[in-house]
N, C-alpha and C. Protein backbone atom coordinates (compact mmCIF):
# COMPACT_ATOMS: atom_id res chain seq x y z
N MET A 1 1.72 28.40 -15.27
CA MET A 1 2.54 27.00 -15.63
C MET A 1 2.68 27.12 -17.30
N THR A 2 3.79 26.71 -17.61
CA THR A 2 4.07 26.66 -19.26
C THR A 2 4.65 25.49 -19.95
N LEU A 3 4.39 25.20 -20.81
CA LEU A 3 5.16 24.11 -21.52
C LEU A 3 6.62 24.57 -21.85
N PHE A 4 7.69 23.85 -21.50
CA PHE A 4 8.95 23.95 -21.74
C PHE A 4 9.54 22.84 -22.22
N ILE A 5 9.88 22.86 -23.71
CA ILE A 5 10.67 21.89 -24.22
C ILE A 5 11.88 22.16 -25.15
N ILE A 6 13.05 21.49 -24.73
CA ILE A 6 14.25 21.47 -25.41
C ILE A 6 14.41 20.33 -26.32
N VAL A 7 14.70 20.32 -27.70
CA VAL A 7 14.85 19.71 -28.65
C VAL A 7 16.31 19.52 -28.92
N GLU A 8 17.04 18.67 -28.77
CA GLU A 8 18.64 18.45 -28.90
C GLU A 8 18.74 17.91 -30.24
N PRO A 9 19.44 18.84 -31.33
CA PRO A 9 19.60 18.24 -32.65
C PRO A 9 20.41 17.04 -32.71
N ALA A 10 21.52 17.31 -31.92
CA ALA A 10 22.63 16.16 -31.74
C ALA A 10 22.07 14.74 -31.10
N SER A 11 21.10 14.77 -30.68
CA SER A 11 20.54 13.64 -29.86
C SER A 11 20.37 12.52 -30.84
N SER A 12 20.45 11.22 -30.29
CA SER A 12 20.21 10.12 -31.38
C SER A 12 18.70 9.86 -31.19
N THR A 13 18.03 10.47 -30.19
CA THR A 13 16.58 10.40 -30.07
C THR A 13 15.95 11.17 -31.04
N ALA A 14 14.94 10.80 -31.73
CA ALA A 14 14.11 11.51 -32.77
C ALA A 14 13.44 12.62 -32.10
N PRO A 15 13.39 13.74 -32.94
CA PRO A 15 12.81 14.99 -32.18
C PRO A 15 11.38 14.62 -31.78
N PHE A 16 10.67 14.08 -32.63
CA PHE A 16 9.24 13.50 -32.24
C PHE A 16 9.24 13.00 -30.96
N GLU A 17 9.97 12.07 -30.58
CA GLU A 17 9.98 11.32 -29.39
C GLU A 17 10.70 12.16 -28.25
N GLN A 18 11.75 13.12 -28.67
CA GLN A 18 11.80 14.15 -27.44
C GLN A 18 10.65 15.05 -27.03
N VAL A 19 9.87 15.53 -27.92
CA VAL A 19 8.63 16.15 -27.57
C VAL A 19 7.79 15.27 -26.82
N ARG A 20 7.47 14.23 -27.41
CA ARG A 20 6.73 13.15 -26.62
C ARG A 20 7.03 13.11 -25.26
N ALA A 21 8.27 12.67 -25.12
CA ALA A 21 8.77 12.41 -23.52
C ALA A 21 8.78 13.32 -22.81
N GLN A 22 9.20 14.51 -23.25
CA GLN A 22 8.96 16.00 -22.40
C GLN A 22 7.64 16.23 -22.05
N VAL A 23 6.76 16.45 -22.91
CA VAL A 23 5.21 16.79 -22.45
C VAL A 23 4.64 15.46 -21.61
N ALA A 24 4.99 14.26 -21.94
CA ALA A 24 4.46 13.02 -21.17
C ALA A 24 5.25 13.20 -19.42
N GLU A 25 6.37 13.61 -19.60
CA GLU A 25 6.91 13.68 -18.03
C GLU A 25 6.55 15.05 -17.23
N GLN A 26 6.16 16.19 -17.98
CA GLN A 26 5.61 17.24 -17.50
C GLN A 26 4.39 16.99 -17.01
N ALA A 27 3.51 16.37 -17.73
CA ALA A 27 2.06 15.87 -17.52
C ALA A 27 2.25 15.07 -16.14
N ARG A 28 2.75 13.97 -16.19
CA ARG A 28 3.07 13.03 -15.09
C ARG A 28 3.37 13.82 -13.92
N SER A 29 4.51 14.51 -13.88
CA SER A 29 4.89 15.40 -12.72
C SER A 29 4.19 16.48 -11.97
N GLY A 30 3.08 16.73 -12.96
CA GLY A 30 2.01 17.90 -12.47
C GLY A 30 2.60 19.24 -12.90
N ALA A 31 3.72 19.33 -13.66
CA ALA A 31 4.10 20.54 -14.00
C ALA A 31 3.18 21.27 -15.09
N LEU A 32 2.37 20.31 -15.82
CA LEU A 32 1.35 20.55 -16.78
C LEU A 32 0.31 20.10 -16.35
N PRO A 33 -0.66 20.82 -15.58
CA PRO A 33 -1.88 20.16 -14.81
C PRO A 33 -2.90 19.77 -15.87
N VAL A 34 -3.88 18.70 -15.22
CA VAL A 34 -4.92 18.34 -16.11
C VAL A 34 -5.79 19.54 -16.87
N GLY A 35 -6.08 19.39 -17.89
CA GLY A 35 -6.78 20.53 -18.65
C GLY A 35 -6.01 21.63 -19.31
N TYR A 36 -4.70 21.56 -18.90
CA TYR A 36 -3.80 22.55 -19.64
C TYR A 36 -3.72 22.29 -21.15
N LYS A 37 -4.04 23.72 -21.61
CA LYS A 37 -4.17 23.62 -23.32
C LYS A 37 -2.78 23.78 -23.90
N LEU A 38 -2.37 22.70 -24.67
CA LEU A 38 -1.09 22.70 -25.49
C LEU A 38 -1.00 23.72 -26.59
N PRO A 39 0.03 24.21 -26.98
CA PRO A 39 0.09 24.99 -28.35
C PRO A 39 -0.44 24.10 -29.46
N THR A 40 -0.79 24.87 -30.40
CA THR A 40 -1.13 24.24 -31.46
C THR A 40 0.05 23.61 -32.20
N VAL A 41 -0.22 22.49 -32.96
CA VAL A 41 0.89 21.80 -33.73
C VAL A 41 1.86 22.69 -34.34
N ARG A 42 1.33 23.63 -35.26
CA ARG A 42 1.99 24.46 -36.05
C ARG A 42 2.81 25.69 -35.16
N GLY A 43 1.95 26.05 -34.20
CA GLY A 43 2.65 26.99 -33.06
C GLY A 43 3.94 26.54 -32.45
N LEU A 44 3.75 25.18 -31.92
CA LEU A 44 4.76 24.59 -31.18
C LEU A 44 6.01 24.08 -32.13
N ALA A 45 5.61 23.82 -33.56
CA ALA A 45 6.61 23.59 -34.31
C ALA A 45 7.17 24.61 -34.79
N TYR A 46 6.88 25.86 -35.06
CA TYR A 46 7.43 27.07 -35.29
C TYR A 46 8.25 27.55 -33.69
N GLU A 47 8.00 27.42 -32.78
CA GLU A 47 8.70 27.75 -31.60
C GLU A 47 9.94 26.87 -31.49
N LEU A 48 9.76 25.56 -31.68
CA LEU A 48 11.04 24.80 -31.83
C LEU A 48 11.82 24.45 -32.99
N GLY A 49 11.36 25.01 -34.01
CA GLY A 49 12.10 25.04 -35.20
C GLY A 49 11.99 23.57 -35.75
N LEU A 50 10.95 22.81 -35.72
CA LEU A 50 10.56 21.67 -36.27
C LEU A 50 9.38 21.79 -37.27
N ALA A 51 9.25 20.83 -38.00
CA ALA A 51 8.46 20.57 -38.95
C ALA A 51 7.28 20.34 -38.36
N ALA A 52 5.79 20.99 -38.66
CA ALA A 52 4.67 20.47 -38.09
C ALA A 52 4.34 19.10 -38.30
N ASN A 53 4.81 18.32 -39.15
CA ASN A 53 4.33 16.98 -39.23
C ASN A 53 5.05 16.26 -37.83
N THR A 54 6.24 16.52 -37.40
CA THR A 54 7.25 16.17 -36.16
C THR A 54 6.40 16.27 -35.12
N VAL A 55 5.64 17.55 -34.88
CA VAL A 55 5.06 17.74 -33.57
C VAL A 55 3.80 17.05 -33.52
N ALA A 56 3.14 16.96 -34.90
CA ALA A 56 1.74 16.12 -35.03
C ALA A 56 2.06 14.86 -34.62
N LYS A 57 3.16 14.20 -35.11
CA LYS A 57 3.48 12.77 -34.79
C LYS A 57 3.39 12.61 -33.14
N ALA A 58 4.18 13.73 -32.51
CA ALA A 58 4.31 13.59 -30.88
C ALA A 58 2.97 13.87 -30.46
N TYR A 59 2.13 14.68 -30.99
CA TYR A 59 0.78 14.68 -30.39
C TYR A 59 -0.16 13.51 -30.58
N ARG A 60 0.09 12.62 -31.83
CA ARG A 60 -0.66 11.67 -31.95
C ARG A 60 -0.33 10.61 -31.05
N ALA A 61 1.10 10.54 -30.74
CA ALA A 61 1.75 9.21 -29.64
C ALA A 61 0.87 9.79 -28.52
N LEU A 62 1.16 11.06 -28.12
CA LEU A 62 0.80 11.31 -26.64
C LEU A 62 -0.73 11.12 -26.47
N GLU A 63 -1.50 11.20 -27.64
CA GLU A 63 -2.97 10.97 -27.47
C GLU A 63 -3.04 9.41 -27.47
N ALA A 64 -2.60 8.72 -28.14
CA ALA A 64 -2.48 7.12 -28.04
C ALA A 64 -2.22 6.57 -26.73
N ASP A 65 -1.25 7.25 -26.22
CA ASP A 65 -0.81 6.96 -24.71
C ASP A 65 -1.75 7.34 -23.56
N GLY A 66 -2.95 8.44 -23.94
CA GLY A 66 -3.83 8.73 -23.09
C GLY A 66 -3.21 9.99 -22.40
N VAL A 67 -2.02 10.45 -22.55
CA VAL A 67 -1.46 11.84 -22.02
C VAL A 67 -2.21 13.01 -22.21
N ILE A 68 -2.51 13.25 -23.57
CA ILE A 68 -3.50 14.34 -24.19
C ILE A 68 -4.62 13.86 -24.70
N GLU A 69 -5.52 14.80 -24.62
CA GLU A 69 -6.86 14.55 -25.52
C GLU A 69 -6.88 15.58 -26.48
N THR A 70 -7.48 15.46 -27.66
CA THR A 70 -7.77 16.48 -28.84
C THR A 70 -9.04 16.61 -28.88
N ARG A 71 -9.66 17.81 -28.53
CA ARG A 71 -10.98 18.31 -28.72
C ARG A 71 -11.25 18.87 -29.91
N GLY A 72 -10.83 18.36 -31.23
CA GLY A 72 -11.18 19.06 -32.49
C GLY A 72 -10.62 20.35 -32.66
N ARG A 73 -11.49 21.23 -33.02
CA ARG A 73 -10.89 22.69 -33.24
C ARG A 73 -10.56 23.18 -32.12
N HIS A 74 -10.98 22.88 -30.95
CA HIS A 74 -10.84 23.09 -29.53
C HIS A 74 -9.30 23.25 -29.10
N GLY A 75 -8.40 22.31 -29.71
CA GLY A 75 -7.15 22.14 -29.29
C GLY A 75 -7.00 20.87 -28.73
N SER A 76 -5.57 20.70 -28.14
CA SER A 76 -5.24 19.59 -27.45
C SER A 76 -4.89 19.82 -26.09
N PHE A 77 -5.30 18.99 -24.95
CA PHE A 77 -5.27 19.35 -23.61
C PHE A 77 -4.76 18.31 -22.74
N ILE A 78 -4.03 18.51 -21.90
CA ILE A 78 -3.58 17.41 -20.81
C ILE A 78 -4.82 16.62 -20.45
N ALA A 79 -4.64 15.36 -20.54
CA ALA A 79 -5.71 14.16 -20.00
C ALA A 79 -5.31 13.95 -18.39
N ALA A 80 -6.58 13.50 -18.12
CA ALA A 80 -6.60 13.05 -16.58
C ALA A 80 -5.81 11.64 -16.82
N ALA A 81 -4.65 11.61 -16.41
CA ALA A 81 -4.09 10.49 -16.68
C ALA A 81 -4.51 9.06 -15.96
N GLY A 82 -4.97 9.35 -14.68
CA GLY A 82 -5.51 8.09 -14.24
C GLY A 82 -6.87 7.70 -14.70
N GLU A 83 -7.80 8.38 -15.30
CA GLU A 83 -8.70 7.86 -16.20
C GLU A 83 -8.44 7.19 -17.55
N ALA A 84 -7.33 7.81 -18.15
CA ALA A 84 -7.05 7.06 -19.37
C ALA A 84 -6.25 5.68 -19.01
N ALA A 85 -5.47 5.57 -17.95
CA ALA A 85 -4.91 4.46 -17.67
C ALA A 85 -6.05 3.60 -17.12
N GLU A 86 -7.16 3.84 -16.30
CA GLU A 86 -8.26 2.91 -16.05
C GLU A 86 -8.85 2.61 -17.27
N ARG A 87 -9.29 3.37 -18.30
CA ARG A 87 -9.78 2.86 -19.47
C ARG A 87 -9.29 1.92 -20.16
N GLU A 88 -7.85 2.33 -20.28
CA GLU A 88 -7.08 1.25 -21.00
C GLU A 88 -6.92 -0.15 -20.30
N LEU A 89 -6.70 -0.12 -19.07
CA LEU A 89 -6.67 -1.34 -18.46
C LEU A 89 -8.07 -2.19 -18.36
N ALA A 90 -9.22 -1.66 -18.80
CA ALA A 90 -10.42 -2.02 -18.55
C ALA A 90 -10.44 -2.81 -19.97
N SER A 91 -10.01 -1.99 -20.92
CA SER A 91 -10.00 -2.42 -22.38
C SER A 91 -9.16 -3.86 -22.42
N ALA A 92 -7.98 -3.80 -21.91
CA ALA A 92 -7.01 -5.08 -21.83
C ALA A 92 -7.60 -6.22 -21.15
N ALA A 93 -8.39 -5.75 -19.71
CA ALA A 93 -8.83 -6.86 -19.19
C ALA A 93 -10.18 -7.77 -20.03
N GLU A 94 -10.93 -6.78 -20.46
CA GLU A 94 -11.86 -7.37 -21.41
C GLU A 94 -11.40 -8.08 -22.58
N ALA A 95 -10.36 -7.76 -23.32
CA ALA A 95 -9.83 -8.41 -24.44
C ALA A 95 -9.21 -9.69 -24.07
N TYR A 96 -8.55 -9.65 -22.56
CA TYR A 96 -7.95 -11.00 -21.96
C TYR A 96 -8.96 -11.73 -22.01
N ALA A 97 -9.99 -11.45 -21.23
CA ALA A 97 -11.39 -12.26 -21.04
C ALA A 97 -11.81 -12.95 -22.03
N ARG A 98 -12.07 -12.18 -23.09
CA ARG A 98 -12.72 -12.85 -24.40
C ARG A 98 -11.75 -13.80 -25.06
N ARG A 99 -10.21 -13.64 -24.85
CA ARG A 99 -9.29 -14.50 -25.61
C ARG A 99 -9.23 -15.66 -24.61
N ALA A 100 -9.30 -15.65 -23.23
CA ALA A 100 -9.25 -16.80 -22.55
C ALA A 100 -10.43 -17.78 -22.86
N ARG A 101 -11.67 -17.02 -22.77
CA ARG A 101 -12.90 -17.90 -23.13
C ARG A 101 -12.88 -18.68 -24.52
N HIS A 102 -12.28 -17.68 -25.64
CA HIS A 102 -11.99 -18.16 -26.86
C HIS A 102 -11.27 -19.53 -26.80
N LEU A 103 -10.26 -19.65 -26.05
CA LEU A 103 -9.27 -20.71 -25.77
C LEU A 103 -9.69 -21.72 -25.07
N GLY A 104 -11.10 -21.47 -24.51
CA GLY A 104 -11.69 -22.54 -23.86
C GLY A 104 -11.34 -22.80 -22.50
N LEU A 105 -10.64 -21.62 -21.77
CA LEU A 105 -10.17 -21.88 -20.47
C LEU A 105 -11.50 -21.41 -19.49
N ASP A 106 -11.42 -22.11 -18.31
CA ASP A 106 -12.33 -21.61 -17.23
C ASP A 106 -11.98 -20.27 -16.66
N GLN A 107 -13.00 -19.94 -15.78
CA GLN A 107 -12.72 -18.62 -15.01
C GLN A 107 -11.48 -18.81 -14.15
N LYS A 108 -11.37 -19.85 -13.30
CA LYS A 108 -10.34 -19.99 -12.54
C LYS A 108 -8.97 -20.36 -13.03
N THR A 109 -9.00 -20.97 -14.38
CA THR A 109 -7.62 -21.11 -14.95
C THR A 109 -7.27 -19.69 -15.41
N ALA A 110 -8.23 -18.87 -15.67
CA ALA A 110 -7.83 -17.47 -16.27
C ALA A 110 -7.44 -16.46 -15.22
N ARG A 111 -8.04 -16.52 -14.15
CA ARG A 111 -7.60 -15.86 -12.79
C ARG A 111 -6.54 -16.18 -12.14
N VAL A 112 -6.08 -17.48 -12.19
CA VAL A 112 -4.62 -17.96 -11.81
C VAL A 112 -3.68 -17.36 -12.86
N ALA A 113 -3.60 -17.24 -14.18
CA ALA A 113 -2.92 -16.59 -14.95
C ALA A 113 -2.66 -15.50 -14.76
N VAL A 114 -3.64 -14.65 -14.59
CA VAL A 114 -3.65 -13.24 -14.09
C VAL A 114 -2.90 -13.09 -13.06
N THR A 115 -3.14 -13.60 -11.94
CA THR A 115 -2.47 -13.37 -10.55
C THR A 115 -1.16 -13.76 -10.96
N ASP A 116 -0.85 -14.80 -11.51
CA ASP A 116 0.65 -15.26 -11.96
C ASP A 116 1.45 -13.97 -12.49
N ALA A 117 0.68 -13.55 -13.50
CA ALA A 117 1.29 -12.24 -14.40
C ALA A 117 1.66 -11.30 -13.40
N LEU A 118 0.52 -10.91 -12.70
CA LEU A 118 0.62 -9.70 -11.61
C LEU A 118 1.79 -9.87 -10.56
N ARG A 119 1.76 -11.00 -10.02
CA ARG A 119 3.06 -11.48 -9.26
C ARG A 119 4.40 -11.02 -9.83
N ALA A 120 4.33 -11.77 -11.22
CA ALA A 120 5.67 -11.49 -11.72
C ALA A 120 6.02 -9.90 -12.04
N ALA A 121 5.12 -9.13 -12.63
CA ALA A 121 5.28 -7.94 -13.00
C ALA A 121 5.43 -7.08 -11.71
N TYR A 122 5.07 -7.35 -10.63
CA TYR A 122 5.02 -6.29 -9.51
C TYR A 122 6.03 -6.89 -8.57
N CYS A 123 6.87 -7.79 -8.93
CA CYS A 123 7.79 -8.60 -7.66
C CYS A 123 8.69 -7.49 -7.30
N ASP A 124 9.11 -6.65 -7.81
CA ASP A 124 10.15 -5.64 -7.34
C ASP A 124 9.74 -4.56 -6.42
N ASP A 125 8.26 -4.64 -6.38
CA ASP A 125 7.86 -3.67 -5.42
C ASP A 125 7.81 -3.90 -4.03
């Protein structure tokens, strides 16, 4: 398995976003397995003919999205997406619970609001 990215210079999508989207899609599809070591920022920038800052920006966005994890000098790796998504969900739930309590809402009202939001978000499923 290898990372395969094509950056279209004529695209209206910024190069960093093209890199981000393609790495994210390959990670989601399984083309890049969990634990796959990505090229260094400079290495990938050289390979793609991009500035190192462009690739670094893509890597930062991928890390913020939980798609990759950076292990210091050891490099960047494809993260276990399910784990990252679950951590983000738990964090959002905790923030929601604190906000609901701060607003003076009881647990039942907070649960009803969540249930309604989930129903609306998943109505197409």
